[in-house]
C-alpha atoms as a PDB file:
ATOM      1  CA  MET A   1     106.169 108.744 114.127  1.00  0.00           C
ATOM      2  CA  ASP A   2     107.483 105.505 112.235  1.00  0.00           C
ATOM      3  CA  SER A   3     105.092 103.335 110.524  1.00  0.00           C
ATOM      4  CA  PRO A   4     104.970  99.503 111.841  1.00  0.00           C
ATOM      5  CA  LYS A   5     107.106  98.233 108.860  1.00  0.00           C
ATOM      6  CA  THR A   6     109.578 101.245 109.266  1.00  0.00           C
ATOM      7  CA  ARG A   7     109.672  99.939 112.988  1.00  0.00           C
ATOM      8  CA  PHE A   8     110.375  96.495 111.944  1.00  0.00           C
ATOM      9  CA  LEU A   9     112.936  97.239 109.697  1.00  0.00           C
ATOM     10  CA  LYS A  10     114.761  98.588 112.597  1.00  0.00           C
ATOM     11  CA  THR A  11     114.732  94.913 114.208  1.00  0.00           C
ATOM     12  CA  PRO A  12     117.742  92.815 114.244  1.00  0.00           C
ATOM     13  CA  HIS A  13     115.820  89.921 112.406  1.00  0.00           C
ATOM     14  CA  ALA A  14     114.280  92.059 109.527  1.00  0.00           C
ATOM     15  CA  SER A  15     117.839  92.069 107.310  1.00  0.00           C
ATOM     16  CA  GLN A  16     117.867  88.057 107.492  1.00  0.00           C
ATOM     17  CA  LEU A  17     114.486  88.481 106.424  1.00  0.00           C
ATOM     18  CA  VAL A  18     114.909  91.055 103.780  1.00  0.00           C
ATOM     19  CA  GLU A  19     117.546  88.649 102.362  1.00  0.00           C
ATOM     20  CA  LEU A  20     115.759  85.658 102.424  1.00  0.00           C
ATOM     21  CA  VAL A  21     112.899  87.006 100.104  1.00  0.00           C
ATOM     22  CA  GLU A  22     114.654  88.689  97.802  1.00  0.00           C
ATOM     23  CA  HIS A  23     116.981  85.560  97.178  1.00  0.00           C
ATOM     24  CA  PRO A  24     116.682  83.803  93.602  1.00  0.00           C
ATOM     25  CA  ALA A  25     115.574  80.551  95.116  1.00  0.00           C
ATOM     26  CA  PHE A  26     112.672  81.932  97.208  1.00  0.00           C
ATOM     27  CA  ILE A  27     111.585  84.103  94.100  1.00  0.00           C
ATOM     28  CA  ALA A  28     111.722  80.781  91.948  1.00  0.00           C
ATOM     29  CA  GLY A  29     110.044  78.652  94.641  1.00  0.00           C
ATOM     30  CA  CYS A  30     107.091  81.313  95.117  1.00  0.00           C
ATOM     31  CA  ASP A  31     106.546  81.464  91.292  1.00  0.00           C
ATOM     32  CA  ALA A  32     107.150  77.567  90.766  1.00  0.00           C
ATOM     33  CA  ALA A  33     104.520  77.764  93.743  1.00  0.00           C
ATOM     34  CA  LEU A  34     101.622  80.188  91.895  1.00  0.00           C
ATOM     35  CA  LEU A  35     102.329  78.140  88.626  1.00  0.00           C
ATOM     36  CA  GLU A  36     101.058  74.947  90.337  1.00  0.00           C
ATOM     37  CA  MET A  37      97.967  76.781  91.899  1.00  0.00           C
ATOM     38  CA  THR A  38      97.380  78.293  88.669  1.00  0.00           C
ATOM     39  CA  LEU A  39      97.253  75.245  86.987  1.00  0.00           C
ATOM     40  CA  GLY A  40      94.730  73.786  89.488  1.00  0.00           C
ATOM     41  CA  CYS A  41      92.622  75.999  88.800  1.00  0.00           C
ATOM     42  CA  SER A  42      92.040  74.666  85.273  1.00  0.00           C
ATOM     43  CA  PHE A  43      91.250  71.237  86.708  1.00  0.00           C
ATOM     44  CA  ALA A  44      88.702  72.223  88.916  1.00  0.00           C
ATOM     45  CA  GLU A  45      85.185  70.143  88.729  1.00  0.00           C
ATOM     46  CA  ASN A  46      82.586  72.648  89.378  1.00  0.00           C
ATOM     47  CA  PRO A  47      82.613  76.745  89.070  1.00  0.00           C
ATOM     48  CA  ASN A  48      82.968  76.463  92.945  1.00  0.00           C
ATOM     49  CA  ARG A  49      86.094  74.914  92.921  1.00  0.00           C
ATOM     50  CA  ALA A  50      87.545  77.073  90.237  1.00  0.00           C
ATOM     51  CA  SER A  51      86.333  80.614  92.141  1.00  0.00           C
ATOM     52  CA  GLU A  52      88.026  78.559  95.550  1.00  0.00           C
ATOM     53  CA  ALA A  53      91.439  78.112  93.642  1.00  0.00           C
ATOM     54  CA  PHE A  54      91.285  81.578  92.009  1.00  0.00           C
ATOM     55  CA  TYR A  55      90.869  83.425  95.020  1.00  0.00           C
ATOM     56  CA  ARG A  56      93.455  81.018  96.824  1.00  0.00           C
ATOM     57  CA  VAL A  57      95.902  81.923  93.425  1.00  0.00           C
ATOM     58  CA  GLU A  58      94.985  85.616  94.249  1.00  0.00           C
ATOM     59  CA  GLY A  59      95.861  85.480  97.875  1.00  0.00           C
ATOM     60  CA  ALA A  60      98.847  83.925  97.432  1.00  0.00           C
ATOM     61  CA  ARG A  61      99.801  86.509  94.671  1.00  0.00           C
ATOM     62  CA  LEU A  62      99.280  89.327  97.411  1.00  0.00           C
ATOM     63  CA  PHE A  63     100.936  87.509  99.851  1.00  0.00           C
ATOM     64  CA  ILE A  64     104.182  86.875  98.245  1.00  0.00           C
ATOM     65  CA  ALA A  65     103.792  90.633  96.629  1.00  0.00           C
ATOM     66  CA  TYR A  66     103.863  91.716 100.194  1.00  0.00           C
ATOM     67  CA  LEU A  67     106.468  89.434 101.454  1.00  0.00           C
ATOM     68  CA  THR A  68     109.342  90.610  98.469  1.00  0.00           C
ATOM     69  CA  SER A  69     107.746  94.272  99.150  1.00  0.00           C
ATOM     70  CA  ILE A  70     109.075  94.488 102.809  1.00  0.00           C
ATOM     71  CA  GLY A  71     112.744  95.878 102.183  1.00  0.00           C
ATOM     72  CA  ARG A  72     111.706  98.814 100.762  1.00  0.00           C
ATOM     73  CA  ALA A  73     111.141 101.838 102.376  1.00  0.00           C
ATOM     74  CA  ASP A  74     107.502 103.046 102.233  1.00  0.00           C
ATOM     75  CA  LYS A  75     106.440 106.060 100.315  1.00  0.00           C
ATOM     76  CA  PRO A  76     105.491 109.146 102.477  1.00  0.00           C
ATOM     77  CA  ALA A  77     101.895 109.855 103.130  1.00  0.00           C
ATOM     78  CA  PRO A  78     101.257 113.356 100.807  1.00  0.00           C
ATOM     79  CA  LYS A  79     100.375 115.942 103.089  1.00  0.00           C
ATOM     80  CA  ARG A  80      96.813 117.103 103.252  1.00  0.00           C
ATOM     81  CA  THR A  81      95.086 119.892 105.008  1.00  0.00           C
ATOM     82  CA  MET A  82      91.626 119.461 106.588  1.00  0.00           C
ATOM     83  CA  LYS A  83      89.891 121.445 104.030  1.00  0.00           C
ATOM     84  CA  GLU A  84      91.387 118.770 101.251  1.00  0.00           C
ATOM     85  CA  ASN A  85      90.364 115.882 103.657  1.00  0.00           C
ATOM     86  CA  LEU A  86      86.619 117.367 103.976  1.00  0.00           C
ATOM     87  CA  GLU A  87      86.457 118.075 100.259  1.00  0.00           C
ATOM     88  CA  PRO A  88      84.367 114.845  98.158  1.00  0.00           C
END
């Protein structure tokens, strides 16, 4: 059974998306956006706003990491026996 990512990579639009997210301009734009968001964290008026800004930056960073990993194939999960799964 194929993973959702593997099935997606077989679609006609996948190659265009992979091309887009691997393009240097896209990567530079993502870096610039993260830098601007990070600088915005330092200008927060109170700790709650700083915390909100920090989690927005972390979410954006994870989203960008996910997008840029779309073109790479997933590593297969290790095969484990039922006994290994039940052991703590």
